[in-house]
Amino acid sequence: MAYLRYRATAKVLCGECQKLKEQKRRFDTKCRDCKWLRYENVNNLLTFRDLLNNKFPNWVFFNVFRYVKGQDGERLASYQKGKNEPTSKEV
């Protein structure tokens, strides 16, 4: 049986941008020190969110794309930490 498979990209803030966010100030969205993470095989959005919370507590948002081999695929959803985190394992 085939299962749903997604591709996800997540934005993780650097220390300086994280300090600005904690002070509720604007931070540079194009900061070169912040990291972009790309995961090719995401099956469950809830466990992916937990992985980000444990390994990268400074994550801000992640986008979910339809997995198409060799292509970027279409964006299905976008989630923000603390605002609209995923509530189910599928989009």
PDB file of N, CA and C in Angstrom:
ATOM      1  N   MET A   1       0.834  -1.179   0.000  1.00  0.00           N
ATOM      2  CA  MET A   1       0.000   0.000   0.000  1.00  0.00           C
ATOM      3  C   MET A   1       0.883   1.249   0.000  1.00  0.00           C
ATOM      4  N   ALA A   2       0.560   2.187  -0.859  1.00  0.00           N
ATOM      5  CA  ALA A   2       1.327   3.425  -0.948  1.00  0.00           C
ATOM      6  C   ALA A   2       0.961   4.345   0.221  1.00  0.00           C
ATOM      7  N   TYR A   3       1.933   5.077   0.688  1.00  0.00           N
ATOM      8  CA  TYR A   3       1.690   6.020   1.767  1.00  0.00           C
ATOM      9  C   TYR A   3       2.046   7.423   1.294  1.00  0.00           C
ATOM     10  N   LEU A   4       1.492   8.403   1.966  1.00  0.00           N
ATOM     11  CA  LEU A   4       1.759   9.793   1.600  1.00  0.00           C
ATOM     12  C   LEU A   4       3.202  10.137   1.896  1.00  0.00           C
ATOM     13  N   ARG A   5       3.769  10.893   1.007  1.00  0.00           N
ATOM     14  CA  ARG A   5       5.167  11.290   1.151  1.00  0.00           C
ATOM     15  C   ARG A   5       5.266  12.759   0.784  1.00  0.00           C
ATOM     16  N   TYR A   6       5.922  13.515   1.661  1.00  0.00           N
ATOM     17  CA  TYR A   6       6.076  14.949   1.442  1.00  0.00           C
ATOM     18  C   TYR A   6       7.545  15.322   1.427  1.00  0.00           C
ATOM     19  N   ARG A   7       7.801  16.492   0.899  1.00  0.00           N
ATOM     20  CA  ARG A   7       9.120  17.123   0.991  1.00  0.00           C
ATOM     21  C   ARG A   7       8.903  18.376   1.832  1.00  0.00           C
ATOM     22  N   ALA A   8       9.841  18.670   2.732  1.00  0.00           N
ATOM     23  CA  ALA A   8       9.652  19.824   3.617  1.00  0.00           C
ATOM     24  C   ALA A   8      10.929  20.655   3.683  1.00  0.00           C
ATOM     25  N   THR A   9      10.755  21.966   3.772  1.00  0.00           N
ATOM     26  CA  THR A   9      11.862  22.877   4.018  1.00  0.00           C
ATOM     27  C   THR A   9      11.541  23.667   5.278  1.00  0.00           C
ATOM     28  N   ALA A  10      12.560  23.837   6.134  1.00  0.00           N
ATOM     29  CA  ALA A  10      12.342  24.527   7.413  1.00  0.00           C
ATOM     30  C   ALA A  10      13.375  25.634   7.572  1.00  0.00           C
ATOM     31  N   LYS A  11      12.957  26.734   8.169  1.00  0.00           N
ATOM     32  CA  LYS A  11      13.844  27.870   8.451  1.00  0.00           C
ATOM     33  C   LYS A  11      14.227  27.825   9.922  1.00  0.00           C
ATOM     34  N   VAL A  12      15.546  27.808  10.205  1.00  0.00           N
ATOM     35  CA  VAL A  12      16.068  27.791  11.572  1.00  0.00           C
ATOM     36  C   VAL A  12      16.862  29.075  11.779  1.00  0.00           C
ATOM     37  N   LEU A  13      16.521  29.827  12.812  1.00  0.00           N
ATOM     38  CA  LEU A  13      17.156  31.120  13.061  1.00  0.00           C
ATOM     39  C   LEU A  13      18.539  30.972  13.680  1.00  0.00           C
ATOM     40  N   CYS A  14      19.413  31.919  13.353  1.00  0.00           N
ATOM     41  CA  CYS A  14      20.719  31.998  14.000  1.00  0.00           C
ATOM     42  C   CYS A  14      20.537  32.667  15.375  1.00  0.00           C
ATOM     43  N   GLY A  15      21.585  32.744  16.163  1.00  0.00           N
ATOM     44  CA  GLY A  15      21.492  33.316  17.508  1.00  0.00           C
ATOM     45  C   GLY A  15      21.049  34.761  17.526  1.00  0.00           C
ATOM     46  N   GLU A  16      21.593  35.555  16.624  1.00  0.00           N
ATOM     47  CA  GLU A  16      21.259  36.989  16.592  1.00  0.00           C
ATOM     48  C   GLU A  16      19.789  37.210  16.219  1.00  0.00           C
ATOM     49  N   CYS A  17      19.305  36.509  15.204  1.00  0.00           N
ATOM     50  CA  CYS A  17      17.904  36.650  14.800  1.00  0.00           C
ATOM     51  C   CYS A  17      16.970  36.114  15.876  1.00  0.00           C
ATOM     52  N   GLN A  18      17.388  35.070  16.593  1.00  0.00           N
ATOM     53  CA  GLN A  18      16.568  34.520  17.668  1.00  0.00           C
ATOM     54  C   GLN A  18      16.408  35.537  18.799  1.00  0.00           C
ATOM     55  N   LYS A  19      17.482  36.267  19.115  1.00  0.00           N
ATOM     56  CA  LYS A  19      17.402  37.308  20.155  1.00  0.00           C
ATOM     57  C   LYS A  19      16.413  38.398  19.748  1.00  0.00           C
ATOM     58  N   LEU A  20      16.461  38.805  18.485  1.00  0.00           N
ATOM     59  CA  LEU A  20      15.534  39.826  18.001  1.00  0.00           C
ATOM     60  C   LEU A  20      14.089  39.325  18.070  1.00  0.00           C
ATOM     61  N   LYS A  21      13.876  38.063  17.730  1.00  0.00           N
ATOM     62  CA  LYS A  21      12.531  37.494  17.782  1.00  0.00           C
ATOM     63  C   LYS A  21      12.013  37.450  19.213  1.00  0.00           C
ATOM     64  N   GLU A  22      12.873  37.089  20.163  1.00  0.00           N
ATOM     65  CA  GLU A  22      12.468  37.038  21.570  1.00  0.00           C
ATOM     66  C   GLU A  22      12.115  38.421  22.107  1.00  0.00           C
ATOM     67  N   GLN A  23      12.764  39.472  21.559  1.00  0.00           N
ATOM     68  CA  GLN A  23      12.462  40.842  21.952  1.00  0.00           C
ATOM     69  C   GLN A  23      11.261  41.399  21.175  1.00  0.00           C
ATOM     70  N   LYS A  24      10.636  40.514  20.368  1.00  0.00           N
ATOM     71  CA  LYS A  24       9.496  40.890  19.530  1.00  0.00           C
ATOM     72  C   LYS A  24       9.846  42.014  18.561  1.00  0.00           C
ATOM     73  N   ARG A  25      11.067  41.927  18.037  1.00  0.00           N
ATOM     74  CA  ARG A  25      11.528  42.879  17.034  1.00  0.00           C
ATOM     75  C   ARG A  25      11.666  42.154  15.709  1.00  0.00           C
ATOM     76  N   ARG A  26      11.685  42.900  14.649  1.00  0.00           N
ATOM     77  CA  ARG A  26      11.836  42.313  13.319  1.00  0.00           C
ATOM     78  C   ARG A  26      13.254  41.791  13.128  1.00  0.00           C
ATOM     79  N   PHE A  27      13.351  40.697  12.397  1.00  0.00           N
ATOM     80  CA  PHE A  27      14.667  40.163  12.070  1.00  0.00           C
ATOM     81  C   PHE A  27      14.771  40.009  10.559  1.00  0.00           C
ATOM     82  N   ASP A  28      15.998  39.945  10.077  1.00  0.00           N
ATOM     83  CA  ASP A  28      16.257  39.867   8.642  1.00  0.00           C
ATOM     84  C   ASP A  28      15.884  38.481   8.126  1.00  0.00           C
ATOM     85  N   THR A  29      14.918  38.416   7.220  1.00  0.00           N
ATOM     86  CA  THR A  29      14.493  37.114   6.701  1.00  0.00           C
ATOM     87  C   THR A  29      15.510  36.530   5.728  1.00  0.00           C
ATOM     88  N   LYS A  30      16.424  37.339   5.246  1.00  0.00           N
ATOM     89  CA  LYS A  30      17.435  36.858   4.306  1.00  0.00           C
ATOM     90  C   LYS A  30      18.818  36.785   4.953  1.00  0.00           C
ATOM     91  N   CYS A  31      18.859  36.636   6.258  1.00  0.00           N
ATOM     92  CA  CYS A  31      20.116  36.553   7.003  1.00  0.00           C
ATOM     93  C   CYS A  31      20.929  35.354   6.509  1.00  0.00           C
ATOM     94  N   ARG A  32      22.192  35.553   6.269  1.00  0.00           N
ATOM     95  CA  ARG A  32      23.040  34.479   5.758  1.00  0.00           C
ATOM     96  C   ARG A  32      23.444  33.473   6.835  1.00  0.00           C
ATOM     97  N   ASP A  33      23.326  33.851   8.102  1.00  0.00           N
ATOM     98  CA  ASP A  33      23.704  32.944   9.187  1.00  0.00           C
ATOM     99  C   ASP A  33      22.585  31.976   9.558  1.00  0.00           C
ATOM    100  N   CYS A  34      21.358  32.292   9.208  1.00  0.00           N
ATOM    101  CA  CYS A  34      20.231  31.388   9.474  1.00  0.00           C
ATOM    102  C   CYS A  34      20.311  30.207   8.504  1.00  0.00           C
ATOM    103  N   LYS A  35      19.752  29.081   8.918  1.00  0.00           N
ATOM    104  CA  LYS A  35      19.853  27.870   8.103  1.00  0.00           C
ATOM    105  C   LYS A  35      18.508  27.495   7.498  1.00  0.00           C
ATOM    106  N   TRP A  36      18.577  26.913   6.306  1.00  0.00           N
ATOM    107  CA  TRP A  36      17.430  26.289   5.661  1.00  0.00           C
ATOM    108  C   TRP A  36      17.674  24.797   5.668  1.00  0.00           C
ATOM    109  N   LEU A  37      16.735  24.035   6.188  1.00  0.00           N
ATOM    110  CA  LEU A  37      16.836  22.585   6.210  1.00  0.00           C
ATOM    111  C   LEU A  37      15.876  22.016   5.178  1.00  0.00           C
ATOM    112  N   ARG A  38      16.316  20.972   4.489  1.00  0.00           N
ATOM    113  CA  ARG A  38      15.459  20.331   3.484  1.00  0.00           C
ATOM    114  C   ARG A  38      15.385  18.842   3.783  1.00  0.00           C
ATOM    115  N   TYR A  39      14.171  18.365   3.941  1.00  0.00           N
ATOM    116  CA  TYR A  39      13.933  16.952   4.200  1.00  0.00           C
ATOM    117  C   TYR A  39      13.142  16.375   3.027  1.00  0.00           C
ATOM    118  N   GLU A  40      13.657  15.309   2.446  1.00  0.00           N
ATOM    119  CA  GLU A  40      13.075  14.732   1.242  1.00  0.00           C
ATOM    120  C   GLU A  40      11.937  13.758   1.517  1.00  0.00           C
ATOM    121  N   ASN A  41      11.923  13.124   2.676  1.00  0.00           N
ATOM    122  CA  ASN A  41      10.953  12.063   2.916  1.00  0.00           C
ATOM    123  C   ASN A  41      10.257  12.285   4.260  1.00  0.00           C
ATOM    124  N   VAL A  42       9.169  13.039   4.240  1.00  0.00           N
ATOM    125  CA  VAL A  42       8.392  13.313   5.452  1.00  0.00           C
ATOM    126  C   VAL A  42       7.053  12.595   5.303  1.00  0.00           C
ATOM    127  N   ASN A  43       6.773  11.679   6.216  1.00  0.00           N
ATOM    128  CA  ASN A  43       5.527  10.903   6.150  1.00  0.00           C
ATOM    129  C   ASN A  43       4.490  11.377   7.158  1.00  0.00           C
ATOM    130  N   ASN A  44       4.946  11.940   8.272  1.00  0.00           N
ATOM    131  CA  ASN A  44       4.042  12.304   9.357  1.00  0.00           C
ATOM    132  C   ASN A  44       4.417  13.715   9.830  1.00  0.00           C
ATOM    133  N   LEU A  45       3.510  14.661   9.681  1.00  0.00           N
ATOM    134  CA  LEU A  45       3.806  16.056  10.034  1.00  0.00           C
ATOM    135  C   LEU A  45       3.960  16.255  11.539  1.00  0.00           C
ATOM    136  N   LEU A  46       3.265  15.472  12.338  1.00  0.00           N
ATOM    137  CA  LEU A  46       3.376  15.614  13.794  1.00  0.00           C
ATOM    138  C   LEU A  46       4.747  15.172  14.294  1.00  0.00           C
ATOM    139  N   THR A  47       5.251  14.066  13.791  1.00  0.00           N
ATOM    140  CA  THR A  47       6.587  13.625  14.213  1.00  0.00           C
ATOM    141  C   THR A  47       7.663  14.536  13.632  1.00  0.00           C
ATOM    142  N   PHE A  48       7.417  15.105  12.449  1.00  0.00           N
ATOM    143  CA  PHE A  48       8.369  16.061  11.881  1.00  0.00           C
ATOM    144  C   PHE A  48       8.438  17.320  12.738  1.00  0.00           C
ATOM    145  N   ARG A  49       7.284  17.803  13.196  1.00  0.00           N
ATOM    146  CA  ARG A  49       7.253  18.961  14.093  1.00  0.00           C
ATOM    147  C   ARG A  49       8.007  18.668  15.388  1.00  0.00           C
ATOM    148  N   ASP A  50       7.816  17.475  15.949  1.00  0.00           N
ATOM    149  CA  ASP A  50       8.525  17.078  17.164  1.00  0.00           C
ATOM    150  C   ASP A  50      10.033  16.997  16.931  1.00  0.00           C
ATOM    151  N   LEU A  51      10.429  16.498  15.764  1.00  0.00           N
ATOM    152  CA  LEU A  51      11.850  16.455  15.419  1.00  0.00           C
ATOM    153  C   LEU A  51      12.446  17.853  15.387  1.00  0.00           C
ATOM    154  N   LEU A  52      11.736  18.790  14.773  1.00  0.00           N
ATOM    155  CA  LEU A  52      12.216  20.173  14.722  1.00  0.00           C
ATOM    156  C   LEU A  52      12.292  20.774  16.126  1.00  0.00           C
ATOM    157  N   ASN A  53      11.285  20.516  16.954  1.00  0.00           N
ATOM    158  CA  ASN A  53      11.295  21.053  18.318  1.00  0.00           C
ATOM    159  C   ASN A  53      12.463  20.519  19.130  1.00  0.00           C
ATOM    160  N   ASN A  54      12.822  19.254  18.940  1.00  0.00           N
ATOM    161  CA  ASN A  54      13.912  18.649  19.707  1.00  0.00           C
ATOM    162  C   ASN A  54      15.291  19.010  19.178  1.00  0.00           C
ATOM    163  N   LYS A  55      15.491  18.890  17.862  1.00  0.00           N
ATOM    164  CA  LYS A  55      16.819  19.113  17.289  1.00  0.00           C
ATOM    165  C   LYS A  55      17.111  20.582  16.981  1.00  0.00           C
ATOM    166  N   PHE A  56      16.098  21.316  16.597  1.00  0.00           N
ATOM    167  CA  PHE A  56      16.268  22.710  16.184  1.00  0.00           C
ATOM    168  C   PHE A  56      15.210  23.576  16.860  1.00  0.00           C
ATOM    169  N   PRO A  57      15.384  23.914  18.136  1.00  0.00           N
ATOM    170  CA  PRO A  57      14.343  24.680  18.844  1.00  0.00           C
ATOM    171  C   PRO A  57      14.153  26.099  18.296  1.00  0.00           C
ATOM    172  N   ASN A  58      15.080  26.577  17.473  1.00  0.00           N
ATOM    173  CA  ASN A  58      14.970  27.928  16.903  1.00  0.00           C
ATOM    174  C   ASN A  58      14.231  27.948  15.571  1.00  0.00           C
ATOM    175  N   TRP A  59      13.550  26.874  15.207  1.00  0.00           N
ATOM    176  CA  TRP A  59      12.841  26.884  13.926  1.00  0.00           C
ATOM    177  C   TRP A  59      11.685  27.873  13.985  1.00  0.00           C
ATOM    178  N   VAL A  60      11.389  28.484  12.844  1.00  0.00           N
ATOM    179  CA  VAL A  60      10.355  29.514  12.776  1.00  0.00           C
ATOM    180  C   VAL A  60       9.152  29.015  11.971  1.00  0.00           C
ATOM    181  N   PHE A  61       9.413  28.441  10.805  1.00  0.00           N
ATOM    182  CA  PHE A  61       8.330  27.923   9.971  1.00  0.00           C
ATOM    183  C   PHE A  61       8.856  26.800   9.092  1.00  0.00           C
ATOM    184  N   PHE A  62       7.928  26.019   8.570  1.00  0.00           N
ATOM    185  CA  PHE A  62       8.302  25.058   7.541  1.00  0.00           C
ATOM    186  C   PHE A  62       7.201  24.943   6.503  1.00  0.00           C
ATOM    187  N   ASN A  63       7.620  24.686   5.280  1.00  0.00           N
ATOM    188  CA  ASN A  63       6.716  24.529   4.152  1.00  0.00           C
ATOM    189  C   ASN A  63       6.670  23.057   3.769  1.00  0.00           C
ATOM    190  N   VAL A  64       5.509  22.597   3.344  1.00  0.00           N
ATOM    191  CA  VAL A  64       5.330  21.210   2.938  1.00  0.00           C
ATOM    192  C   VAL A  64       4.974  21.188   1.461  1.00  0.00           C
ATOM    193  N   PHE A  65       5.682  20.343   0.718  1.00  0.00           N
ATOM    194  CA  PHE A  65       5.482  20.214  -0.721  1.00  0.00           C
ATOM    195  C   PHE A  65       5.094  18.784  -1.071  1.00  0.00           C
ATOM    196  N   ARG A  66       4.366  18.635  -2.165  1.00  0.00           N
ATOM    197  CA  ARG A  66       4.066  17.304  -2.686  1.00  0.00           C
ATOM    198  C   ARG A  66       5.379  16.699  -3.186  1.00  0.00           C
ATOM    199  N   TYR A  67       5.625  15.442  -2.847  1.00  0.00           N
ATOM    200  CA  TYR A  67       6.866  14.802  -3.281  1.00  0.00           C
ATOM    201  C   TYR A  67       6.700  14.304  -4.712  1.00  0.00           C
ATOM    202  N   VAL A  68       7.549  14.825  -5.593  1.00  0.00           N
ATOM    203  CA  VAL A  68       7.625  14.375  -6.980  1.00  0.00           C
ATOM    204  C   VAL A  68       9.102  14.169  -7.263  1.00  0.00           C
ATOM    205  N   LYS A  69       9.474  12.952  -7.585  1.00  0.00           N
ATOM    206  CA  LYS A  69      10.887  12.627  -7.780  1.00  0.00           C
ATOM    207  C   LYS A  69      11.492  13.487  -8.884  1.00  0.00           C
ATOM    208  N   GLY A  70      12.615  14.131  -8.560  1.00  0.00           N
ATOM    209  CA  GLY A  70      13.322  14.953  -9.524  1.00  0.00           C
ATOM    210  C   GLY A  70      12.752  16.344  -9.731  1.00  0.00           C
ATOM    211  N   GLN A  71      11.670  16.684  -9.026  1.00  0.00           N
ATOM    212  CA  GLN A  71      11.056  17.998  -9.167  1.00  0.00           C
ATOM    213  C   GLN A  71      10.803  18.592  -7.791  1.00  0.00           C
ATOM    214  N   ASP A  72      10.501  19.884  -7.760  1.00  0.00           N
ATOM    215  CA  ASP A  72      10.214  20.541  -6.487  1.00  0.00           C
ATOM    216  C   ASP A  72       8.807  20.220  -5.980  1.00  0.00           C
ATOM    217  N   GLY A  73       7.861  20.004  -6.851  1.00  0.00           N
ATOM    218  CA  GLY A  73       6.490  19.731  -6.425  1.00  0.00           C
ATOM    219  C   GLY A  73       5.776  21.006  -6.011  1.00  0.00           C
ATOM    220  N   GLU A  74       4.461  20.915  -5.863  1.00  0.00           N
ATOM    221  CA  GLU A  74       3.689  22.103  -5.483  1.00  0.00           C
ATOM    222  C   GLU A  74       3.607  22.232  -3.965  1.00  0.00           C
ATOM    223  N   ARG A  75       3.569  23.475  -3.499  1.00  0.00           N
ATOM    224  CA  ARG A  75       3.477  23.718  -2.061  1.00  0.00           C
ATOM    225  C   ARG A  75       2.051  23.430  -1.600  1.00  0.00           C
ATOM    226  N   LEU A  76       1.961  22.600  -0.561  1.00  0.00           N
ATOM    227  CA  LEU A  76       0.660  22.205  -0.040  1.00  0.00           C
ATOM    228  C   LEU A  76       0.263  23.012   1.183  1.00  0.00           C
ATOM    229  N   ALA A  77       1.249  23.313   2.047  1.00  0.00           N
ATOM    230  CA  ALA A  77       0.923  24.021   3.297  1.00  0.00           C
ATOM    231  C   ALA A  77       2.167  24.684   3.853  1.00  0.00           C
ATOM    232  N   SER A  78       1.937  25.632   4.744  1.00  0.00           N
ATOM    233  CA  SER A  78       3.011  26.303   5.464  1.00  0.00           C
ATOM    234  C   SER A  78       2.595  26.394   6.929  1.00  0.00           C
ATOM    235  N   TYR A  79       3.524  26.070   7.825  1.00  0.00           N
ATOM    236  CA  TYR A  79       3.226  26.059   9.257  1.00  0.00           C
ATOM    237  C   TYR A  79       4.216  26.948  10.001  1.00  0.00           C
ATOM    238  N   GLN A  80       3.726  27.674  11.006  1.00  0.00           N
ATOM    239  CA  GLN A  80       4.563  28.531  11.830  1.00  0.00           C
ATOM    240  C   GLN A  80       4.586  28.018  13.259  1.00  0.00           C
ATOM    241  N   LYS A  81       5.736  28.171  13.890  1.00  0.00           N
ATOM    242  CA  LYS A  81       5.880  27.715  15.266  1.00  0.00           C
ATOM    243  C   LYS A  81       5.027  28.591  16.184  1.00  0.00           C
ATOM    244  N   GLY A  82       4.192  27.946  16.985  1.00  0.00           N
ATOM    245  CA  GLY A  82       3.371  28.660  17.960  1.00  0.00           C
ATOM    246  C   GLY A  82       2.107  29.289  17.414  1.00  0.00           C
ATOM    247  N   LYS A  83       1.927  29.329  16.104  1.00  0.00           N
ATOM    248  CA  LYS A  83       0.740  29.958  15.535  1.00  0.00           C
ATOM    249  C   LYS A  83      -0.170  28.952  14.867  1.00  0.00           C
ATOM    250  N   ASN A  84       0.320  28.270  13.876  1.00  0.00           N
ATOM    251  CA  ASN A  84      -0.517  27.271  13.177  1.00  0.00           C
ATOM    252  C   ASN A  84       0.284  25.997  12.937  1.00  0.00           C
ATOM    253  N   GLU A  85       0.732  25.400  14.002  1.00  0.00           N
ATOM    254  CA  GLU A  85       1.470  24.139  13.893  1.00  0.00           C
ATOM    255  C   GLU A  85       0.528  23.042  13.413  1.00  0.00           C
ATOM    256  N   PRO A  86       1.057  22.000  12.775  1.00  0.00           N
ATOM    257  CA  PRO A  86       0.170  20.943  12.263  1.00  0.00           C
ATOM    258  C   PRO A  86      -0.584  20.230  13.389  1.00  0.00           C
ATOM    259  N   THR A  87      -1.829  19.880  13.129  1.00  0.00           N
ATOM    260  CA  THR A  87      -2.648  19.184  14.126  1.00  0.00           C
ATOM    261  C   THR A  87      -2.965  17.752  13.685  1.00  0.00           C
ATOM    262  N   SER A  88      -2.625  17.404  12.452  1.00  0.00           N
ATOM    263  CA  SER A  88      -2.808  16.032  11.987  1.00  0.00           C
ATOM    264  C   SER A  88      -1.548  15.592  11.252  1.00  0.00           C
ATOM    265  N   LYS A  89      -1.420  14.301  11.037  1.00  0.00           N
ATOM    266  CA  LYS A  89      -0.188  13.806  10.431  1.00  0.00           C
ATOM    267  C   LYS A  89      -0.161  14.005   8.915  1.00  0.00           C
ATOM    268  N   GLU A  90      -1.292  14.382   8.325  1.00  0.00           N
ATOM    269  CA  GLU A  90      -1.361  14.634   6.887  1.00  0.00           C
ATOM    270  C   GLU A  90      -1.862  16.053   6.639  1.00  0.00           C
ATOM    271  N   VAL A  91      -1.582  16.542   5.429  1.00  0.00           N
ATOM    272  CA  VAL A  91      -2.033  17.878   5.041  1.00  0.00           C
ATOM    273  C   VAL A  91      -3.512  17.835   4.734  1.00  0.00           C
TER     274      VAL A  91
END
